[in-house]
PDB file of N, CA and C in Angstrom:
ATOM      1  N   MET A   1     -21.263  29.580  80.055  1.00  0.00           N
ATOM      2  CA  MET A   1     -21.514  30.268  78.793  1.00  0.00           C
ATOM      3  C   MET A   1     -22.442  31.466  79.016  1.00  0.00           C
ATOM      4  N   LEU A   2     -23.468  31.266  79.848  1.00  0.00           N
ATOM      5  CA  LEU A   2     -24.411  32.342  80.108  1.00  0.00           C
ATOM      6  C   LEU A   2     -23.735  33.505  80.826  1.00  0.00           C
ATOM      7  N   ASN A   3     -22.776  33.211  81.680  1.00  0.00           N
ATOM      8  CA  ASN A   3     -22.051  34.271  82.376  1.00  0.00           C
ATOM      9  C   ASN A   3     -21.251  35.125  81.404  1.00  0.00           C
ATOM     10  N   LYS A   4     -20.672  34.512  80.385  1.00  0.00           N
ATOM     11  CA  LYS A   4     -19.913  35.264  79.389  1.00  0.00           C
ATOM     12  C   LYS A   4     -20.825  36.192  78.598  1.00  0.00           C
ATOM     13  N   VAL A   5     -22.013  35.691  78.258  1.00  0.00           N
ATOM     14  CA  VAL A   5     -22.975  36.512  77.519  1.00  0.00           C
ATOM     15  C   VAL A   5     -23.433  37.674  78.390  1.00  0.00           C
ATOM     16  N   ASP A   6     -23.719  37.395  79.665  1.00  0.00           N
ATOM     17  CA  ASP A   6     -24.115  38.463  80.585  1.00  0.00           C
ATOM     18  C   ASP A   6     -23.018  39.505  80.715  1.00  0.00           C
ATOM     19  N   LEU A   7     -21.788  39.055  80.856  1.00  0.00           N
ATOM     20  CA  LEU A   7     -20.663  39.982  80.976  1.00  0.00           C
ATOM     21  C   LEU A   7     -20.518  40.819  79.706  1.00  0.00           C
ATOM     22  N   LEU A   8     -20.684  40.189  78.552  1.00  0.00           N
ATOM     23  CA  LEU A   8     -20.600  40.897  77.272  1.00  0.00           C
ATOM     24  C   LEU A   8     -21.700  41.961  77.160  1.00  0.00           C
ATOM     25  N   LEU A   9     -22.911  41.596  77.562  1.00  0.00           N
ATOM     26  CA  LEU A   9     -24.014  42.559  77.506  1.00  0.00           C
ATOM     27  C   LEU A   9     -23.806  43.707  78.481  1.00  0.00           C
ATOM     28  N   LEU A  10     -23.321  43.421  79.678  1.00  0.00           N
ATOM     29  CA  LEU A  10     -23.055  44.477  80.645  1.00  0.00           C
ATOM     30  C   LEU A  10     -21.964  45.421  80.154  1.00  0.00           C
ATOM     31  N   THR A  11     -20.949  44.865  79.529  1.00  0.00           N
ATOM     32  CA  THR A  11     -19.871  45.686  78.979  1.00  0.00           C
ATOM     33  C   THR A  11     -20.394  46.584  77.858  1.00  0.00           C
ATOM     34  N   ALA A  12     -21.206  46.002  76.972  1.00  0.00           N
ATOM     35  CA  ALA A  12     -21.763  46.787  75.866  1.00  0.00           C
ATOM     36  C   ALA A  12     -22.665  47.893  76.396  1.00  0.00           C
ATOM     37  N   LYS A  13     -23.493  47.593  77.395  1.00  0.00           N
ATOM     38  CA  LYS A  13     -24.376  48.608  77.970  1.00  0.00           C
ATOM     39  C   LYS A  13     -23.564  49.709  78.639  1.00  0.00           C
ATOM     40  N   SER A  14     -22.504  49.334  79.329  1.00  0.00           N
ATOM     41  CA  SER A  14     -21.656  50.323  79.984  1.00  0.00           C
ATOM     42  C   SER A  14     -21.005  51.247  78.956  1.00  0.00           C
ATOM     43  N   ARG A  15     -20.523  50.678  77.876  1.00  0.00           N
ATOM     44  CA  ARG A  15     -19.909  51.496  76.823  1.00  0.00           C
ATOM     45  C   ARG A  15     -20.936  52.423  76.180  1.00  0.00           C
ATOM     46  N   TRP A  16     -22.143  51.896  75.930  1.00  0.00           N
ATOM     47  CA  TRP A  16     -23.197  52.705  75.328  1.00  0.00           C
ATOM     48  C   TRP A  16     -23.572  53.859  76.246  1.00  0.00           C
ATOM     49  N   ASP A  17     -23.731  53.558  77.537  1.00  0.00           N
ATOM     50  CA  ASP A  17     -24.073  54.611  78.492  1.00  0.00           C
ATOM     51  C   ASP A  17     -22.978  55.677  78.554  1.00  0.00           C
ATOM     52  N   GLY A  18     -21.728  55.247  78.530  1.00  0.00           N
ATOM     53  CA  GLY A  18     -20.618  56.201  78.527  1.00  0.00           C
ATOM     54  C   GLY A  18     -20.617  57.063  77.285  1.00  0.00           C
ATOM     55  N   PHE A  19     -20.892  56.452  76.136  1.00  0.00           N
ATOM     56  CA  PHE A  19     -20.950  57.189  74.874  1.00  0.00           C
ATOM     57  C   PHE A  19     -22.065  58.234  74.908  1.00  0.00           C
ATOM     58  N   MET A  20     -23.248  57.816  75.352  1.00  0.00           N
ATOM     59  CA  MET A  20     -24.371  58.740  75.399  1.00  0.00           C
ATOM     60  C   MET A  20     -24.119  59.871  76.401  1.00  0.00           C
ATOM     61  N   ASP A  21     -23.494  59.546  77.523  1.00  0.00           N
ATOM     62  CA  ASP A  21     -23.184  60.568  78.522  1.00  0.00           C
ATOM     63  C   ASP A  21     -22.208  61.600  77.951  1.00  0.00           C
ATOM     64  N   ARG A  22     -21.169  61.126  77.260  1.00  0.00           N
ATOM     65  CA  ARG A  22     -20.209  62.048  76.655  1.00  0.00           C
ATOM     66  C   ARG A  22     -20.869  62.879  75.560  1.00  0.00           C
ATOM     67  N   LEU A  23     -21.747  62.246  74.788  1.00  0.00           N
ATOM     68  CA  LEU A  23     -22.413  62.950  73.696  1.00  0.00           C
ATOM     69  C   LEU A  23     -23.304  64.072  74.222  1.00  0.00           C
ATOM     70  N   VAL A  24     -24.008  63.805  75.310  1.00  0.00           N
ATOM     71  CA  VAL A  24     -24.936  64.790  75.853  1.00  0.00           C
ATOM     72  C   VAL A  24     -24.202  65.912  76.586  1.00  0.00           C
ATOM     73  N   HIS A  25     -23.133  65.581  77.300  1.00  0.00           N
ATOM     74  CA  HIS A  25     -22.503  66.555  78.169  1.00  0.00           C
ATOM     75  C   HIS A  25     -21.318  67.303  77.567  1.00  0.00           C
ATOM     76  N   GLU A  26     -20.788  66.843  76.487  1.00  0.00           N
ATOM     77  CA  GLU A  26     -19.671  67.544  75.873  1.00  0.00           C
ATOM     78  C   GLU A  26     -20.186  68.602  74.921  1.00  0.00           C
ATOM     79  N   GLU A  27     -19.695  69.802  75.061  1.00  0.00           N
ATOM     80  CA  GLU A  27     -20.122  70.884  74.188  1.00  0.00           C
ATOM     81  C   GLU A  27     -19.607  70.688  72.772  1.00  0.00           C
ATOM     82  N   LYS A  28     -18.415  70.121  72.650  1.00  0.00           N
ATOM     83  CA  LYS A  28     -17.848  69.910  71.325  1.00  0.00           C
ATOM     84  C   LYS A  28     -18.739  68.982  70.507  1.00  0.00           C
ATOM     85  N   GLY A  29     -19.241  67.932  71.133  1.00  0.00           N
ATOM     86  CA  GLY A  29     -20.126  66.995  70.432  1.00  0.00           C
ATOM     87  C   GLY A  29     -21.390  67.677  69.958  1.00  0.00           C
ATOM     88  N   ALA A  30     -21.949  68.542  70.794  1.00  0.00           N
ATOM     89  CA  ALA A  30     -23.173  69.251  70.432  1.00  0.00           C
ATOM     90  C   ALA A  30     -22.911  70.203  69.263  1.00  0.00           C
ATOM     91  N   ALA A  31     -21.790  70.887  69.290  1.00  0.00           N
ATOM     92  CA  ALA A  31     -21.463  71.817  68.204  1.00  0.00           C
ATOM     93  C   ALA A  31     -21.241  71.058  66.896  1.00  0.00           C
ATOM     94  N   ASP A  32     -20.597  69.916  66.971  1.00  0.00           N
ATOM     95  CA  ASP A  32     -20.373  69.114  65.767  1.00  0.00           C
ATOM     96  C   ASP A  32     -21.691  68.629  65.180  1.00  0.00           C
ATOM     97  N   ILE A  33     -22.608  68.217  66.036  1.00  0.00           N
ATOM     98  CA  ILE A  33     -23.904  67.739  65.559  1.00  0.00           C
ATOM     99  C   ILE A  33     -24.665  68.879  64.889  1.00  0.00           C
ATOM    100  N   VAL A  34     -24.636  70.047  65.488  1.00  0.00           N
ATOM    101  CA  VAL A  34     -25.320  71.203  64.900  1.00  0.00           C
ATOM    102  C   VAL A  34     -24.700  71.546  63.552  1.00  0.00           C
ATOM    103  N   ALA A  35     -23.384  71.519  63.465  1.00  0.00           N
ATOM    104  CA  ALA A  35     -22.709  71.830  62.201  1.00  0.00           C
ATOM    105  C   ALA A  35     -23.094  70.821  61.117  1.00  0.00           C
ATOM    106  N   ILE A  36     -23.149  69.564  61.478  1.00  0.00           N
ATOM    107  CA  ILE A  36     -23.529  68.530  60.506  1.00  0.00           C
ATOM    108  C   ILE A  36     -24.969  68.739  60.046  1.00  0.00           C
ATOM    109  N   LEU A  37     -25.864  69.050  60.971  1.00  0.00           N
ATOM    110  CA  LEU A  37     -27.257  69.299  60.604  1.00  0.00           C
ATOM    111  C   LEU A  37     -27.392  70.510  59.687  1.00  0.00           C
ATOM    112  N   VAL A  38     -26.618  71.545  59.937  1.00  0.00           N
ATOM    113  CA  VAL A  38     -26.663  72.740  59.076  1.00  0.00           C
ATOM    114  C   VAL A  38     -26.188  72.387  57.664  1.00  0.00           C
ATOM    115  N   VAL A  39     -25.123  71.618  57.564  1.00  0.00           N
ATOM    116  CA  VAL A  39     -24.616  71.219  56.242  1.00  0.00           C
ATOM    117  C   VAL A  39     -25.659  70.383  55.504  1.00  0.00           C
ATOM    118  N   ILE A  40     -26.321  69.473  56.212  1.00  0.00           N
ATOM    119  CA  ILE A  40     -27.351  68.644  55.579  1.00  0.00           C
ATOM    120  C   ILE A  40     -28.505  69.509  55.079  1.00  0.00           C
ATOM    121  N   VAL A  41     -28.932  70.476  55.884  1.00  0.00           N
ATOM    122  CA  VAL A  41     -30.026  71.363  55.469  1.00  0.00           C
ATOM    123  C   VAL A  41     -29.624  72.176  54.241  1.00  0.00           C
ATOM    124  N   ILE A  42     -28.405  72.671  54.214  1.00  0.00           N
ATOM    125  CA  ILE A  42     -27.931  73.440  53.056  1.00  0.00           C
ATOM    126  C   ILE A  42     -27.900  72.559  51.808  1.00  0.00           C
ATOM    127  N   LEU A  43     -27.392  71.340  51.942  1.00  0.00           N
ATOM    128  CA  LEU A  43     -27.344  70.430  50.790  1.00  0.00           C
ATOM    129  C   LEU A  43     -28.741  70.104  50.274  1.00  0.00           C
ATOM    130  N   LEU A  44     -29.683  69.883  51.189  1.00  0.00           N
ATOM    131  CA  LEU A  44     -31.063  69.616  50.760  1.00  0.00           C
ATOM    132  C   LEU A  44     -31.662  70.833  50.056  1.00  0.00           C
ATOM    133  N   GLY A  45     -31.356  72.025  50.547  1.00  0.00           N
ATOM    134  CA  GLY A  45     -31.846  73.240  49.906  1.00  0.00           C
ATOM    135  C   GLY A  45     -31.289  73.407  48.507  1.00  0.00           C
ATOM    136  N   VAL A  46     -30.000  73.197  48.363  1.00  0.00           N
ATOM    137  CA  VAL A  46     -29.369  73.303  47.038  1.00  0.00           C
ATOM    138  C   VAL A  46     -29.928  72.241  46.093  1.00  0.00           C
ATOM    139  N   ALA A  47     -30.112  71.025  46.600  1.00  0.00           N
ATOM    140  CA  ALA A  47     -30.668  69.960  45.764  1.00  0.00           C
ATOM    141  C   ALA A  47     -32.088  70.300  45.329  1.00  0.00           C
ATOM    142  N   THR A  48     -32.861  70.919  46.201  1.00  0.00           N
ATOM    143  CA  THR A  48     -34.228  71.305  45.854  1.00  0.00           C
ATOM    144  C   THR A  48     -34.226  72.417  44.810  1.00  0.00           C
ATOM    145  N   ILE A  49     -33.348  73.389  44.970  1.00  0.00           N
ATOM    146  CA  ILE A  49     -33.292  74.518  44.035  1.00  0.00           C
ATOM    147  C   ILE A  49     -32.868  74.047  42.643  1.00  0.00           C
ATOM    148  N   PHE A  50     -31.882  73.176  42.588  1.00  0.00           N
ATOM    149  CA  PHE A  50     -31.340  72.743  41.307  1.00  0.00           C
ATOM    150  C   PHE A  50     -31.796  71.338  40.930  1.00  0.00           C
ATOM    151  N   LYS A  51     -33.002  70.969  41.333  1.00  0.00           N
ATOM    152  CA  LYS A  51     -33.509  69.615  41.092  1.00  0.00           C
ATOM    153  C   LYS A  51     -33.516  69.259  39.596  1.00  0.00           C
ATOM    154  N   GLY A  52     -34.023  70.146  38.788  1.00  0.00           N
ATOM    155  CA  GLY A  52     -34.110  69.875  37.347  1.00  0.00           C
ATOM    156  C   GLY A  52     -32.742  69.661  36.719  1.00  0.00           C
ATOM    157  N   GLN A  53     -31.805  70.533  37.044  1.00  0.00           N
ATOM    158  CA  GLN A  53     -30.462  70.411  36.487  1.00  0.00           C
ATOM    159  C   GLN A  53     -29.779  69.128  36.980  1.00  0.00           C
ATOM    160  N   LEU A  54     -29.996  68.791  38.249  1.00  0.00           N
ATOM    161  CA  LEU A  54     -29.390  67.563  38.784  1.00  0.00           C
ATOM    162  C   LEU A  54     -29.963  66.316  38.115  1.00  0.00           C
ATOM    163  N   GLU A  55     -31.285  66.324  37.857  1.00  0.00           N
ATOM    164  CA  GLU A  55     -31.898  65.183  37.166  1.00  0.00           C
ATOM    165  C   GLU A  55     -31.310  65.017  35.770  1.00  0.00           C
ATOM    166  N   GLU A  56     -31.169  66.122  35.045  1.00  0.00           N
ATOM    167  CA  GLU A  56     -30.595  66.058  33.707  1.00  0.00           C
ATOM    168  C   GLU A  56     -29.146  65.571  33.736  1.00  0.00           C
ATOM    169  N   LEU A  57     -28.387  66.041  34.715  1.00  0.00           N
ATOM    170  CA  LEU A  57     -26.996  65.619  34.851  1.00  0.00           C
ATOM    171  C   LEU A  57     -26.904  64.111  35.108  1.00  0.00           C
ATOM    172  N   VAL A  58     -27.738  63.606  36.005  1.00  0.00           N
ATOM    173  CA  VAL A  58     -27.717  62.175  36.322  1.00  0.00           C
ATOM    174  C   VAL A  58     -28.139  61.358  35.108  1.00  0.00           C
ATOM    175  N   LYS A  59     -29.184  61.810  34.388  1.00  0.00           N
ATOM    176  CA  LYS A  59     -29.621  61.097  33.188  1.00  0.00           C
ATOM    177  C   LYS A  59     -28.505  61.079  32.140  1.00  0.00           C
ATOM    178  N   SER A  60     -27.829  62.187  31.980  1.00  0.00           N
ATOM    179  CA  SER A  60     -26.744  62.272  31.004  1.00  0.00           C
ATOM    180  C   SER A  60     -25.600  61.336  31.359  1.00  0.00           C
ATOM    181  N   VAL A  61     -25.208  61.349  32.624  1.00  0.00           N
ATOM    182  CA  VAL A  61     -24.091  60.491  33.061  1.00  0.00           C
ATOM    183  C   VAL A  61     -24.449  59.024  32.888  1.00  0.00           C
ATOM    184  N   PHE A  62     -25.654  58.640  33.331  1.00  0.00           N
ATOM    185  CA  PHE A  62     -26.043  57.240  33.200  1.00  0.00           C
ATOM    186  C   PHE A  62     -26.251  56.847  31.741  1.00  0.00           C
ATOM    187  N   GLY A  63     -26.727  57.793  30.915  1.00  0.00           N
ATOM    188  CA  GLY A  63     -26.869  57.511  29.489  1.00  0.00           C
ATOM    189  C   GLY A  63     -25.519  57.249  28.843  1.00  0.00           C
ATOM    190  N   LYS A  64     -24.529  58.063  29.184  1.00  0.00           N
ATOM    191  CA  LYS A  64     -23.187  57.861  28.639  1.00  0.00           C
ATOM    192  C   LYS A  64     -22.577  56.564  29.153  1.00  0.00           C
ATOM    193  N   ALA A  65     -22.799  56.255  30.426  1.00  0.00           N
ATOM    194  CA  ALA A  65     -22.258  55.016  30.995  1.00  0.00           C
ATOM    195  C   ALA A  65     -22.903  53.805  30.344  1.00  0.00           C
ATOM    196  N   THR A  66     -24.206  53.852  30.121  1.00  0.00           N
ATOM    197  CA  THR A  66     -24.905  52.740  29.470  1.00  0.00           C
ATOM    198  C   THR A  66     -24.411  52.572  28.035  1.00  0.00           C
ATOM    199  N   GLY A  67     -24.258  53.687  27.310  1.00  0.00           N
ATOM    200  CA  GLY A  67     -23.744  53.619  25.940  1.00  0.00           C
ATOM    201  C   GLY A  67     -22.336  53.061  25.893  1.00  0.00           C
ATOM    202  N   TRP A  68     -21.504  53.427  26.869  1.00  0.00           N
ATOM    203  CA  TRP A  68     -20.135  52.939  26.905  1.00  0.00           C
ATOM    204  C   TRP A  68     -20.093  51.443  27.198  1.00  0.00           C
ATOM    205  N   VAL A  69     -20.994  50.966  28.072  1.00  0.00           N
ATOM    206  CA  VAL A  69     -21.029  49.540  28.402  1.00  0.00           C
ATOM    207  C   VAL A  69     -21.530  48.752  27.209  1.00  0.00           C
ATOM    208  N   GLU A  70     -22.525  49.260  26.492  1.00  0.00           N
ATOM    209  CA  GLU A  70     -23.083  48.546  25.346  1.00  0.00           C
ATOM    210  C   GLU A  70     -22.133  48.559  24.146  1.00  0.00           C
ATOM    211  N   ASN A  71     -21.398  49.646  23.943  1.00  0.00           N
ATOM    212  CA  ASN A  71     -20.478  49.787  22.803  1.00  0.00           C
ATOM    213  C   ASN A  71     -19.105  50.257  23.292  1.00  0.00           C
ATOM    214  N   PRO A  72     -18.331  49.401  23.892  1.00  0.00           N
ATOM    215  CA  PRO A  72     -17.031  49.837  24.433  1.00  0.00           C
ATOM    216  C   PRO A  72     -15.957  49.943  23.352  1.00  0.00           C
ATOM    217  N   THR A  73     -16.071  50.931  22.488  1.00  0.00           N
ATOM    218  CA  THR A  73     -15.088  51.094  21.412  1.00  0.00           C
ATOM    219  C   THR A  73     -14.013  52.061  21.768  1.00  0.00           C
TER     220      THR A  73
END
């Protein structure tokens, strides 16, 4: 039983090492990560700029949903 667990752990470590090696050395992976980070930064910026409007929108949607659940006519 212990040999199976050891083999499973060695296989998982080998796969992880291969994944990390491909992630570090492939240019496509690096470009994708940068693109994702840029999109996240843009979304955070937009959310910060329109924070007040987004809060009102969420309150309105949840208010309507709560009213609909309480009075489903």
